[in-house]
Amino acid sequence: MSTLEGEFISVEVGAIHRNSSRLQAGCADQNARALQEVMERLNSNLYLQNCYIMKENERLRMKAQLLNQENQALLSELKQKLGKPNSKNANVGGICSSSNTNPSNSSKP
C-alpha cells in the first residue's frame, strides 16, 4: 500500500468517525425530543386526572355537607321528641315520670 492510499484510508476513517458522532448526537436529539413528547403527554394526562379528582372531591364534599345537615336536623328532632314527655314516653323503662325519687319519704302519713 502506498503512502497516498494510507492517507486516503485514514481520511475516510476520520470522516466516518465524525459522521458517526453526528449520527449519535442526532439520535440523542431525536430521543430527547421523543422523551419530551412522551413526558408532555403524560403530564397532560395527569393534569386531566387531577381535574377529575378535584371535581369528584368537590361533589363528595357537597354530599357530605348535605348528609351532615340531615343528621343535625334528625338529631335536633330526636332531642325535641325526647325532651317532651307524652303519654307514650311517660312510662319508659317501667319508671313513671310522676313517681317519687325518694321512696323513704312516701311512707310518712
PDB file of N, CA and C in Angstrom:
ATOM      1  N   MET A   1       0.840  -1.151   0.000  1.00  0.00           N
ATOM      2  CA  MET A   1       0.000   0.000   0.000  1.00  0.00           C
ATOM      3  C   MET A   1       0.897   1.229   0.000  1.00  0.00           C
ATOM      4  N   SER A   2       0.557   2.156  -0.860  1.00  0.00           N
ATOM      5  CA  SER A   2       1.354   3.381  -0.965  1.00  0.00           C
ATOM      6  C   SER A   2       0.964   4.349   0.137  1.00  0.00           C
ATOM      7  N   THR A   3       1.779   5.349   0.327  1.00  0.00           N
ATOM      8  CA  THR A   3       1.517   6.362   1.341  1.00  0.00           C
ATOM      9  C   THR A   3       0.247   7.109   1.020  1.00  0.00           C
ATOM     10  N   LEU A   4       0.022   7.325  -0.240  1.00  0.00           N
ATOM     11  CA  LEU A   4      -1.176   8.034  -0.658  1.00  0.00           C
ATOM     12  C   LEU A   4      -2.419   7.236  -0.300  1.00  0.00           C
ATOM     13  N   GLU A   5      -2.374   5.938  -0.535  1.00  0.00           N
ATOM     14  CA  GLU A   5      -3.519   5.091  -0.177  1.00  0.00           C
ATOM     15  C   GLU A   5      -3.729   5.075   1.336  1.00  0.00           C
ATOM     16  N   GLY A   6      -2.669   5.025   2.109  1.00  0.00           N
ATOM     17  CA  GLY A   6      -2.763   5.033   3.571  1.00  0.00           C
ATOM     18  C   GLY A   6      -3.383   6.320   4.080  1.00  0.00           C
ATOM     19  N   GLU A   7      -2.991   7.436   3.486  1.00  0.00           N
ATOM     20  CA  GLU A   7      -3.571   8.714   3.890  1.00  0.00           C
ATOM     21  C   GLU A   7      -5.051   8.766   3.534  1.00  0.00           C
ATOM     22  N   PHE A   8      -5.407   8.228   2.368  1.00  0.00           N
ATOM     23  CA  PHE A   8      -6.795   8.231   1.924  1.00  0.00           C
ATOM     24  C   PHE A   8      -7.665   7.407   2.885  1.00  0.00           C
ATOM     25  N   ILE A   9      -7.168   6.232   3.267  1.00  0.00           N
ATOM     26  CA  ILE A   9      -7.906   5.376   4.202  1.00  0.00           C
ATOM     27  C   ILE A   9      -8.038   6.072   5.549  1.00  0.00           C
ATOM     28  N   SER A  10      -6.988   6.725   5.996  1.00  0.00           N
ATOM     29  CA  SER A  10      -7.016   7.441   7.260  1.00  0.00           C
ATOM     30  C   SER A  10      -8.040   8.568   7.210  1.00  0.00           C
ATOM     31  N   VAL A  11      -8.101   9.280   6.114  1.00  0.00           N
ATOM     32  CA  VAL A  11      -9.068  10.372   5.953  1.00  0.00           C
ATOM     33  C   VAL A  11     -10.481   9.809   5.958  1.00  0.00           C
ATOM     34  N   GLU A  12     -10.700   8.681   5.256  1.00  0.00           N
ATOM     35  CA  GLU A  12     -12.031   8.070   5.222  1.00  0.00           C
ATOM     36  C   GLU A  12     -12.467   7.615   6.612  1.00  0.00           C
ATOM     37  N   VAL A  13     -11.559   7.014   7.359  1.00  0.00           N
ATOM     38  CA  VAL A  13     -11.890   6.558   8.712  1.00  0.00           C
ATOM     39  C   VAL A  13     -12.243   7.752   9.582  1.00  0.00           C
ATOM     40  N   GLY A  14     -11.500   8.842   9.473  1.00  0.00           N
ATOM     41  CA  GLY A  14     -11.803  10.055  10.241  1.00  0.00           C
ATOM     42  C   GLY A  14     -13.172  10.612   9.877  1.00  0.00           C
ATOM     43  N   ALA A  15     -13.504  10.615   8.595  1.00  0.00           N
ATOM     44  CA  ALA A  15     -14.802  11.121   8.150  1.00  0.00           C
ATOM     45  C   ALA A  15     -15.930  10.241   8.674  1.00  0.00           C
ATOM     46  N   ILE A  16     -15.712   8.944   8.625  1.00  0.00           N
ATOM     47  CA  ILE A  16     -16.732   8.021   9.135  1.00  0.00           C
ATOM     48  C   ILE A  16     -16.932   8.241  10.631  1.00  0.00           C
ATOM     49  N   HIS A  17     -15.839   8.427  11.349  1.00  0.00           N
ATOM     50  CA  HIS A  17     -15.933   8.647  12.793  1.00  0.00           C
ATOM     51  C   HIS A  17     -16.703   9.936  13.100  1.00  0.00           C
ATOM     52  N   ARG A  18     -16.377  11.008  12.344  1.00  0.00           N
ATOM     53  CA  ARG A  18     -17.086  12.275  12.549  1.00  0.00           C
ATOM     54  C   ARG A  18     -18.569  12.118  12.225  1.00  0.00           C
ATOM     55  N   ASN A  19     -18.899  11.455  11.128  1.00  0.00           N
ATOM     56  CA  ASN A  19     -20.299  11.255  10.757  1.00  0.00           C
ATOM     57  C   ASN A  19     -21.023  10.392  11.791  1.00  0.00           C
ATOM     58  N   SER A  20     -20.324   9.390  12.297  1.00  0.00           N
ATOM     59  CA  SER A  20     -20.907   8.520  13.316  1.00  0.00           C
ATOM     60  C   SER A  20     -21.238   9.326  14.570  1.00  0.00           C
ATOM     61  N   SER A  21     -20.327  10.221  14.953  1.00  0.00           N
ATOM     62  CA  SER A  21     -20.572  11.062  16.125  1.00  0.00           C
ATOM     63  C   SER A  21     -21.773  11.969  15.892  1.00  0.00           C
ATOM     64  N   ARG A  22     -21.871  12.522  14.680  1.00  0.00           N
ATOM     65  CA  ARG A  22     -23.023  13.374  14.347  1.00  0.00           C
ATOM     66  C   ARG A  22     -24.315  12.569  14.385  1.00  0.00           C
ATOM     67  N   LEU A  23     -24.273  11.343  13.871  1.00  0.00           N
ATOM     68  CA  LEU A  23     -25.462  10.494  13.884  1.00  0.00           C
ATOM     69  C   LEU A  23     -25.876  10.170  15.313  1.00  0.00           C
ATOM     70  N   GLN A  24     -24.872   9.875  16.150  1.00  0.00           N
ATOM     71  CA  GLN A  24     -25.192   9.582  17.544  1.00  0.00           C
ATOM     72  C   GLN A  24     -25.791  10.806  18.224  1.00  0.00           C
ATOM     73  N   ALA A  25     -25.246  11.965  17.943  1.00  0.00           N
ATOM     74  CA  ALA A  25     -25.785  13.196  18.511  1.00  0.00           C
ATOM     75  C   ALA A  25     -27.189  13.438  17.982  1.00  0.00           C
ATOM     76  N   GLY A  26     -27.391  13.163  16.693  1.00  0.00           N
ATOM     77  CA  GLY A  26     -28.723  13.313  16.107  1.00  0.00           C
ATOM     78  C   GLY A  26     -29.719  12.359  16.740  1.00  0.00           C
ATOM     79  N   CYS A  27     -29.297  11.133  16.990  1.00  0.00           N
ATOM     80  CA  CYS A  27     -30.160  10.151  17.654  1.00  0.00           C
ATOM     81  C   CYS A  27     -30.484  10.603  19.069  1.00  0.00           C
ATOM     82  N   ALA A  28     -29.487  11.153  19.741  1.00  0.00           N
ATOM     83  CA  ALA A  28     -29.714  11.639  21.099  1.00  0.00           C
ATOM     84  C   ALA A  28     -30.726  12.775  21.083  1.00  0.00           C
ATOM     85  N   ASP A  29     -30.617  13.673  20.085  1.00  0.00           N
ATOM     86  CA  ASP A  29     -31.583  14.765  19.962  1.00  0.00           C
ATOM     87  C   ASP A  29     -32.977  14.223  19.689  1.00  0.00           C
ATOM     88  N   GLN A  30     -33.062  13.229  18.795  1.00  0.00           N
ATOM     89  CA  GLN A  30     -34.362  12.630  18.491  1.00  0.00           C
ATOM     90  C   GLN A  30     -34.929  11.930  19.720  1.00  0.00           C
ATOM     91  N   ASN A  31     -34.070  11.233  20.436  1.00  0.00           N
ATOM     92  CA  ASN A  31     -34.522  10.560  21.656  1.00  0.00           C
ATOM     93  C   ASN A  31     -34.999  11.572  22.695  1.00  0.00           C
ATOM     94  N   ALA A  32     -34.278  12.669  22.811  1.00  0.00           N
ATOM     95  CA  ALA A  32     -34.661  13.706  23.767  1.00  0.00           C
ATOM     96  C   ALA A  32     -36.003  14.311  23.379  1.00  0.00           C
ATOM     97  N   ARG A  33     -36.198  14.566  22.084  1.00  0.00           N
ATOM     98  CA  ARG A  33     -37.485  15.112  21.621  1.00  0.00           C
ATOM     99  C   ARG A  33     -38.613  14.116  21.854  1.00  0.00           C
ATOM    100  N   ALA A  34     -38.361  12.849  21.559  1.00  0.00           N
ATOM    101  CA  ALA A  34     -39.380  11.819  21.766  1.00  0.00           C
ATOM    102  C   ALA A  34     -39.717  11.698  23.254  1.00  0.00           C
ATOM    103  N   LEU A  35     -38.686  11.737  24.091  1.00  0.00           N
ATOM    104  CA  LEU A  35     -38.905  11.667  25.530  1.00  0.00           C
ATOM    105  C   LEU A  35     -39.702  12.877  26.011  1.00  0.00           C
ATOM    106  N   GLN A  36     -39.390  14.043  25.480  1.00  0.00           N
ATOM    107  CA  GLN A  36     -40.110  15.256  25.863  1.00  0.00           C
ATOM    108  C   GLN A  36     -41.581  15.152  25.464  1.00  0.00           C
ATOM    109  N   GLU A  37     -41.859  14.617  24.274  1.00  0.00           N
ATOM    110  CA  GLU A  37     -43.242  14.453  23.834  1.00  0.00           C
ATOM    111  C   GLU A  37     -43.994  13.478  24.736  1.00  0.00           C
ATOM    112  N   VAL A  38     -43.331  12.381  25.085  1.00  0.00           N
ATOM    113  CA  VAL A  38     -43.955  11.397  25.976  1.00  0.00           C
ATOM    114  C   VAL A  38     -44.241  12.032  27.334  1.00  0.00           C
ATOM    115  N   MET A  39     -43.282  12.785  27.850  1.00  0.00           N
ATOM    116  CA  MET A  39     -43.459  13.428  29.151  1.00  0.00           C
ATOM    117  C   MET A  39     -44.582  14.464  29.105  1.00  0.00           C
ATOM    118  N   GLU A  40     -44.692  15.202  28.006  1.00  0.00           N
ATOM    119  CA  GLU A  40     -45.765  16.189  27.882  1.00  0.00           C
ATOM    120  C   GLU A  40     -47.132  15.511  27.837  1.00  0.00           C
ATOM    121  N   ARG A  41     -47.228  14.383  27.108  1.00  0.00           N
ATOM    122  CA  ARG A  41     -48.495  13.638  27.074  1.00  0.00           C
ATOM    123  C   ARG A  41     -48.836  13.094  28.452  1.00  0.00           C
ATOM    124  N   LEU A  42     -47.838  12.554  29.128  1.00  0.00           N
ATOM    125  CA  LEU A  42     -48.053  12.033  30.477  1.00  0.00           C
ATOM    126  C   LEU A  42     -48.489  13.154  31.420  1.00  0.00           C
ATOM    127  N   ASN A  43     -47.849  14.299  31.322  1.00  0.00           N
ATOM    128  CA  ASN A  43     -48.199  15.445  32.146  1.00  0.00           C
ATOM    129  C   ASN A  43     -49.635  15.888  31.868  1.00  0.00           C
ATOM    130  N   SER A  44     -50.032  15.909  30.599  1.00  0.00           N
ATOM    131  CA  SER A  44     -51.403  16.290  30.243  1.00  0.00           C
ATOM    132  C   SER A  44     -52.407  15.299  30.824  1.00  0.00           C
ATOM    133  N   ASN A  45     -52.095  14.018  30.716  1.00  0.00           N
ATOM    134  CA  ASN A  45     -52.996  13.005  31.272  1.00  0.00           C
ATOM    135  C   ASN A  45     -53.112  13.136  32.788  1.00  0.00           C
ATOM    136  N   LEU A  46     -51.986  13.363  33.449  1.00  0.00           N
ATOM    137  CA  LEU A  46     -52.017  13.537  34.901  1.00  0.00           C
ATOM    138  C   LEU A  46     -52.795  14.791  35.293  1.00  0.00           C
ATOM    139  N   TYR A  47     -52.663  15.847  34.508  1.00  0.00           N
ATOM    140  CA  TYR A  47     -53.408  17.083  34.769  1.00  0.00           C
ATOM    141  C   TYR A  47     -54.911  16.819  34.672  1.00  0.00           C
ATOM    142  N   LEU A  48     -55.330  16.103  33.617  1.00  0.00           N
ATOM    143  CA  LEU A  48     -56.749  15.785  33.458  1.00  0.00           C
ATOM    144  C   LEU A  48     -57.249  14.909  34.607  1.00  0.00           C
ATOM    145  N   GLN A  49     -56.464  13.917  34.987  1.00  0.00           N
ATOM    146  CA  GLN A  49     -56.855  13.065  36.114  1.00  0.00           C
ATOM    147  C   GLN A  49     -57.000  13.893  37.387  1.00  0.00           C
ATOM    148  N   ASN A  50     -56.091  14.822  37.594  1.00  0.00           N
ATOM    149  CA  ASN A  50     -56.145  15.690  38.762  1.00  0.00           C
ATOM    150  C   ASN A  50     -57.416  16.538  38.737  1.00  0.00           C
ATOM    151  N   CYS A  51     -57.776  17.053  37.561  1.00  0.00           N
ATOM    152  CA  CYS A  51     -59.010  17.839  37.431  1.00  0.00           C
ATOM    153  C   CYS A  51     -60.227  16.989  37.771  1.00  0.00           C
ATOM    154  N   TYR A  52     -60.270  15.759  37.261  1.00  0.00           N
ATOM    155  CA  TYR A  52     -61.390  14.864  37.556  1.00  0.00           C
ATOM    156  C   TYR A  52     -61.460  14.553  39.047  1.00  0.00           C
ATOM    157  N   ILE A  53     -60.313  14.324  39.656  1.00  0.00           N
ATOM    158  CA  ILE A  53     -60.271  14.017  41.087  1.00  0.00           C
ATOM    159  C   ILE A  53     -60.762  15.209  41.902  1.00  0.00           C
ATOM    160  N   MET A  54     -60.331  16.419  41.536  1.00  0.00           N
ATOM    161  CA  MET A  54     -60.773  17.605  42.269  1.00  0.00           C
ATOM    162  C   MET A  54     -62.281  17.811  42.119  1.00  0.00           C
ATOM    163  N   LYS A  55     -62.807  17.557  40.915  1.00  0.00           N
ATOM    164  CA  LYS A  55     -64.249  17.691  40.688  1.00  0.00           C
ATOM    165  C   LYS A  55     -65.020  16.664  41.520  1.00  0.00           C
ATOM    166  N   GLU A  56     -64.555  15.427  41.535  1.00  0.00           N
ATOM    167  CA  GLU A  56     -65.191  14.371  42.332  1.00  0.00           C
ATOM    168  C   GLU A  56     -65.082  14.692  43.821  1.00  0.00           C
ATOM    169  N   ASN A  57     -63.956  15.231  44.245  1.00  0.00           N
ATOM    170  CA  ASN A  57     -63.758  15.620  45.639  1.00  0.00           C
ATOM    171  C   ASN A  57     -64.767  16.694  46.042  1.00  0.00           C
ATOM    172  N   GLU A  58     -64.978  17.661  45.177  1.00  0.00           N
ATOM    173  CA  GLU A  58     -65.947  18.723  45.457  1.00  0.00           C
ATOM    174  C   GLU A  58     -67.362  18.148  45.542  1.00  0.00           C
ATOM    175  N   ARG A  59     -67.694  17.223  44.635  1.00  0.00           N
ATOM    176  CA  ARG A  59     -69.019  16.594  44.650  1.00  0.00           C
ATOM    177  C   ARG A  59     -69.228  15.826  45.960  1.00  0.00           C
ATOM    178  N   LEU A  60     -68.215  15.075  46.368  1.00  0.00           N
ATOM    179  CA  LEU A  60     -68.315  14.315  47.614  1.00  0.00           C
ATOM    180  C   LEU A  60     -68.373  15.231  48.834  1.00  0.00           C
ATOM    181  N   ARG A  61     -67.658  16.344  48.782  1.00  0.00           N
ATOM    182  CA  ARG A  61     -67.691  17.308  49.889  1.00  0.00           C
ATOM    183  C   ARG A  61     -69.104  17.877  50.053  1.00  0.00           C
ATOM    184  N   MET A  62     -69.740  18.208  48.923  1.00  0.00           N
ATOM    185  CA  MET A  62     -71.106  18.737  48.966  1.00  0.00           C
ATOM    186  C   MET A  62     -72.075  17.674  49.504  1.00  0.00           C
ATOM    187  N   LYS A  63     -71.907  16.437  49.062  1.00  0.00           N
ATOM    188  CA  LYS A  63     -72.762  15.349  49.534  1.00  0.00           C
ATOM    189  C   LYS A  63     -72.589  15.153  51.038  1.00  0.00           C
ATOM    190  N   ALA A  64     -71.355  15.198  51.508  1.00  0.00           N
ATOM    191  CA  ALA A  64     -71.085  15.055  52.940  1.00  0.00           C
ATOM    192  C   ALA A  64     -71.707  16.202  53.724  1.00  0.00           C
ATOM    193  N   GLN A  65     -71.658  17.394  53.164  1.00  0.00           N
ATOM    194  CA  GLN A  65     -72.244  18.553  53.829  1.00  0.00           C
ATOM    195  C   GLN A  65     -73.762  18.385  53.951  1.00  0.00           C
ATOM    196  N   LEU A  66     -74.409  17.905  52.878  1.00  0.00           N
ATOM    197  CA  LEU A  66     -75.854  17.673  52.926  1.00  0.00           C
ATOM    198  C   LEU A  66     -76.206  16.579  53.935  1.00  0.00           C
ATOM    199  N   LEU A  67     -75.421  15.512  53.960  1.00  0.00           N
ATOM    200  CA  LEU A  67     -75.661  14.442  54.932  1.00  0.00           C
ATOM    201  C   LEU A  67     -75.479  14.943  56.362  1.00  0.00           C
ATOM    202  N   ASN A  68     -74.501  15.795  56.575  1.00  0.00           N
ATOM    203  CA  ASN A  68     -74.277  16.361  57.902  1.00  0.00           C
ATOM    204  C   ASN A  68     -75.472  17.221  58.322  1.00  0.00           C
ATOM    205  N   GLN A  69     -75.985  18.026  57.388  1.00  0.00           N
ATOM    206  CA  GLN A  69     -77.156  18.850  57.696  1.00  0.00           C
ATOM    207  C   GLN A  69     -78.362  17.973  58.032  1.00  0.00           C
ATOM    208  N   GLU A  70     -78.536  16.906  57.260  1.00  0.00           N
ATOM    209  CA  GLU A  70     -79.641  15.987  57.522  1.00  0.00           C
ATOM    210  C   GLU A  70     -79.482  15.328  58.893  1.00  0.00           C
ATOM    211  N   ASN A  71     -78.268  14.918  59.223  1.00  0.00           N
ATOM    212  CA  ASN A  71     -78.010  14.317  60.537  1.00  0.00           C
ATOM    213  C   ASN A  71     -78.296  15.299  61.665  1.00  0.00           C
ATOM    214  N   GLN A  72     -77.895  16.541  61.491  1.00  0.00           N
ATOM    215  CA  GLN A  72     -78.142  17.555  62.516  1.00  0.00           C
ATOM    216  C   GLN A  72     -79.636  17.780  62.707  1.00  0.00           C
ATOM    217  N   ALA A  73     -80.397  17.819  61.603  1.00  0.00           N
ATOM    218  CA  ALA A  73     -81.847  18.004  61.693  1.00  0.00           C
ATOM    219  C   ALA A  73     -82.499  16.818  62.403  1.00  0.00           C
ATOM    220  N   LEU A  74     -82.070  15.602  62.061  1.00  0.00           N
ATOM    221  CA  LEU A  74     -82.627  14.411  62.713  1.00  0.00           C
ATOM    222  C   LEU A  74     -82.279  14.377  64.196  1.00  0.00           C
ATOM    223  N   LEU A  75     -81.064  14.766  64.534  1.00  0.00           N
ATOM    224  CA  LEU A  75     -80.651  14.799  65.934  1.00  0.00           C
ATOM    225  C   LEU A  75     -81.473  15.823  66.708  1.00  0.00           C
ATOM    226  N   SER A  76     -81.690  16.971  66.118  1.00  0.00           N
ATOM    227  CA  SER A  76     -82.492  18.006  66.763  1.00  0.00           C
ATOM    228  C   SER A  76     -83.926  17.521  66.968  1.00  0.00           C
ATOM    229  N   GLU A  77     -84.477  16.863  65.950  1.00  0.00           N
ATOM    230  CA  GLU A  77     -85.834  16.316  66.050  1.00  0.00           C
ATOM    231  C   GLU A  77     -85.910  15.262  67.154  1.00  0.00           C
ATOM    232  N   LEU A  78     -84.907  14.407  67.234  1.00  0.00           N
ATOM    233  CA  LEU A  78     -84.871  13.371  68.268  1.00  0.00           C
ATOM    234  C   LEU A  78     -84.781  13.994  69.656  1.00  0.00           C
ATOM    235  N   LYS A  79     -83.961  15.022  69.808  1.00  0.00           N
ATOM    236  CA  LYS A  79     -83.831  15.694  71.105  1.00  0.00           C
ATOM    237  C   LYS A  79     -85.146  16.342  71.513  1.00  0.00           C
ATOM    238  N   GLN A  80     -85.858  16.913  70.546  1.00  0.00           N
ATOM    239  CA  GLN A  80     -87.152  17.528  70.854  1.00  0.00           C
ATOM    240  C   GLN A  80     -88.155  16.473  71.299  1.00  0.00           C
ATOM    241  N   LYS A  81     -88.153  15.333  70.614  1.00  0.00           N
ATOM    242  CA  LYS A  81     -89.090  14.268  70.984  1.00  0.00           C
ATOM    243  C   LYS A  81     -88.772  13.710  72.363  1.00  0.00           C
ATOM    244  N   LEU A  82     -87.501  13.546  72.679  1.00  0.00           N
ATOM    245  CA  LEU A  82     -87.125  13.021  73.987  1.00  0.00           C
ATOM    246  C   LEU A  82     -87.333  14.049  75.090  1.00  0.00           C
ATOM    247  N   GLY A  83     -87.277  15.311  74.765  1.00  0.00           N
ATOM    248  CA  GLY A  83     -87.444  16.370  75.752  1.00  0.00           C
ATOM    249  C   GLY A  83     -88.890  16.586  76.139  1.00  0.00           C
ATOM    250  N   LYS A  84     -89.836  16.265  75.276  1.00  0.00           N
ATOM    251  CA  LYS A  84     -91.260  16.449  75.551  1.00  0.00           C
ATOM    252  C   LYS A  84     -91.854  15.132  76.041  1.00  0.00           C
ATOM    253  N   PRO A  85     -92.258  15.064  77.323  1.00  0.00           N
ATOM    254  CA  PRO A  85     -92.901  13.828  77.790  1.00  0.00           C
ATOM    255  C   PRO A  85     -94.335  13.768  77.270  1.00  0.00           C
ATOM    256  N   ASN A  86     -94.680  12.664  76.662  1.00  0.00           N
ATOM    257  CA  ASN A  86     -96.061  12.448  76.244  1.00  0.00           C
ATOM    258  C   ASN A  86     -96.519  11.116  76.792  1.00  0.00           C
ATOM    259  N   SER A  87     -97.720  10.731  76.507  1.00  0.00           N
ATOM    260  CA  SER A  87     -98.278   9.510  77.091  1.00  0.00           C
ATOM    261  C   SER A  87     -97.498   8.271  76.674  1.00  0.00           C
ATOM    262  N   LYS A  88     -96.910   8.269  75.504  1.00  0.00           N
ATOM    263  CA  LYS A  88     -96.153   7.106  75.042  1.00  0.00           C
ATOM    264  C   LYS A  88     -94.807   7.008  75.757  1.00  0.00           C
ATOM    265  N   ASN A  89     -94.161   8.155  76.012  1.00  0.00           N
ATOM    266  CA  ASN A  89     -92.829   8.156  76.612  1.00  0.00           C
ATOM    267  C   ASN A  89     -92.856   8.334  78.128  1.00  0.00           C
ATOM    268  N   ALA A  90     -94.023   8.528  78.733  1.00  0.00           N
ATOM    269  CA  ALA A  90     -94.102   8.821  80.163  1.00  0.00           C
ATOM    270  C   ALA A  90     -93.674   7.644  81.016  1.00  0.00           C
ATOM    271  N   ASN A  91     -93.894   6.431  80.564  1.00  0.00           N
ATOM    272  CA  ASN A  91     -93.590   5.254  81.368  1.00  0.00           C
ATOM    273  C   ASN A  91     -92.459   4.454  80.733  1.00  0.00           C
ATOM    274  N   VAL A  92     -91.396   5.134  80.357  1.00  0.00           N
ATOM    275  CA  VAL A  92     -90.265   4.491  79.705  1.00  0.00           C
ATOM    276  C   VAL A  92     -89.481   3.687  80.730  1.00  0.00           C
ATOM    277  N   GLY A  93     -89.217   2.437  80.446  1.00  0.00           N
ATOM    278  CA  GLY A  93     -88.404   1.591  81.311  1.00  0.00           C
ATOM    279  C   GLY A  93     -89.083   1.217  82.611  1.00  0.00           C
ATOM    280  N   GLY A  94     -90.395   1.335  82.684  1.00  0.00           N
ATOM    281  CA  GLY A  94     -91.126   0.949  83.886  1.00  0.00           C
ATOM    282  C   GLY A  94     -91.073   1.999  84.975  1.00  0.00           C
ATOM    283  N   ILE A  95     -90.536   3.162  84.713  1.00  0.00           N
ATOM    284  CA  ILE A  95     -90.465   4.230  85.709  1.00  0.00           C
ATOM    285  C   ILE A  95     -91.438   5.316  85.290  1.00  0.00           C
ATOM    286  N   CYS A  96     -92.374   5.602  86.136  1.00  0.00           N
ATOM    287  CA  CYS A  96     -93.367   6.628  85.843  1.00  0.00           C
ATOM    288  C   CYS A  96     -92.747   7.989  86.120  1.00  0.00           C
ATOM    289  N   SER A  97     -93.066   8.976  85.308  1.00  0.00           N
ATOM    290  CA  SER A  97     -92.482  10.299  85.487  1.00  0.00           C
ATOM    291  C   SER A  97     -93.005  10.973  86.739  1.00  0.00           C
ATOM    292  N   SER A  98     -94.169  10.541  87.267  1.00  0.00           N
ATOM    293  CA  SER A  98     -94.716  11.155  88.474  1.00  0.00           C
ATOM    294  C   SER A  98     -94.280  10.433  89.744  1.00  0.00           C
ATOM    295  N   SER A  99     -93.468   9.393  89.613  1.00  0.00           N
ATOM    296  CA  SER A  99     -93.035   8.646  90.799  1.00  0.00           C
ATOM    297  C   SER A  99     -92.080   9.478  91.625  1.00  0.00           C
ATOM    298  N   ASN A 100     -92.076   9.233  92.906  1.00  0.00           N
ATOM    299  CA  ASN A 100     -91.211   9.950  93.826  1.00  0.00           C
ATOM    300  C   ASN A 100     -89.812   9.357  93.737  1.00  0.00           C
ATOM    301  N   THR A 101     -88.820  10.189  93.680  1.00  0.00           N
ATOM    302  CA  THR A 101     -87.453   9.706  93.571  1.00  0.00           C
ATOM    303  C   THR A 101     -86.908   9.234  94.904  1.00  0.00           C
ATOM    304  N   ASN A 102     -87.561   9.607  96.003  1.00  0.00           N
ATOM    305  CA  ASN A 102     -87.114   9.198  97.329  1.00  0.00           C
ATOM    306  C   ASN A 102     -88.220   8.366  97.978  1.00  0.00           C
ATOM    307  N   PRO A 103     -88.196   7.037  97.844  1.00  0.00           N
ATOM    308  CA  PRO A 103     -89.282   6.203  98.353  1.00  0.00           C
ATOM    309  C   PRO A 103     -89.404   6.196  99.874  1.00  0.00           C
ATOM    310  N   SER A 104     -88.395   6.528 100.619  1.00  0.00           N
ATOM    311  CA  SER A 104     -88.483   6.514 102.083  1.00  0.00           C
ATOM    312  C   SER A 104     -89.428   7.601 102.582  1.00  0.00           C
ATOM    313  N   ASN A 105     -89.567   8.694 101.843  1.00  0.00           N
ATOM    314  CA  ASN A 105     -90.456   9.781 102.239  1.00  0.00           C
ATOM    315  C   ASN A 105     -91.916   9.449 101.962  1.00  0.00           C
ATOM    316  N   SER A 106     -92.191   8.506 101.070  1.00  0.00           N
ATOM    317  CA  SER A 106     -93.573   8.189 100.711  1.00  0.00           C
ATOM    318  C   SER A 106     -94.286   7.395 101.799  1.00  0.00           C
ATOM    319  N   SER A 107     -93.574   6.812 102.760  1.00  0.00           N
ATOM    320  CA  SER A 107     -94.198   6.017 103.817  1.00  0.00           C
ATOM    321  C   SER A 107     -94.723   6.875 104.964  1.00  0.00           C
ATOM    322  N   LYS A 108     -94.441   8.156 104.979  1.00  0.00           N
ATOM    323  CA  LYS A 108     -94.907   9.044 106.048  1.00  0.00           C
ATOM    324  C   LYS A 108     -96.391   9.326 105.859  1.00  0.00           C
ATOM    325  N   PRO A 109     -97.189   9.425 107.005  1.00  0.00           N
ATOM    326  CA  PRO A 109     -98.625   9.700 106.923  1.00  0.00           C
ATOM    327  C   PRO A 109     -98.974  11.097 106.587  1.00  0.00           C
TER     328      PRO A 109
END
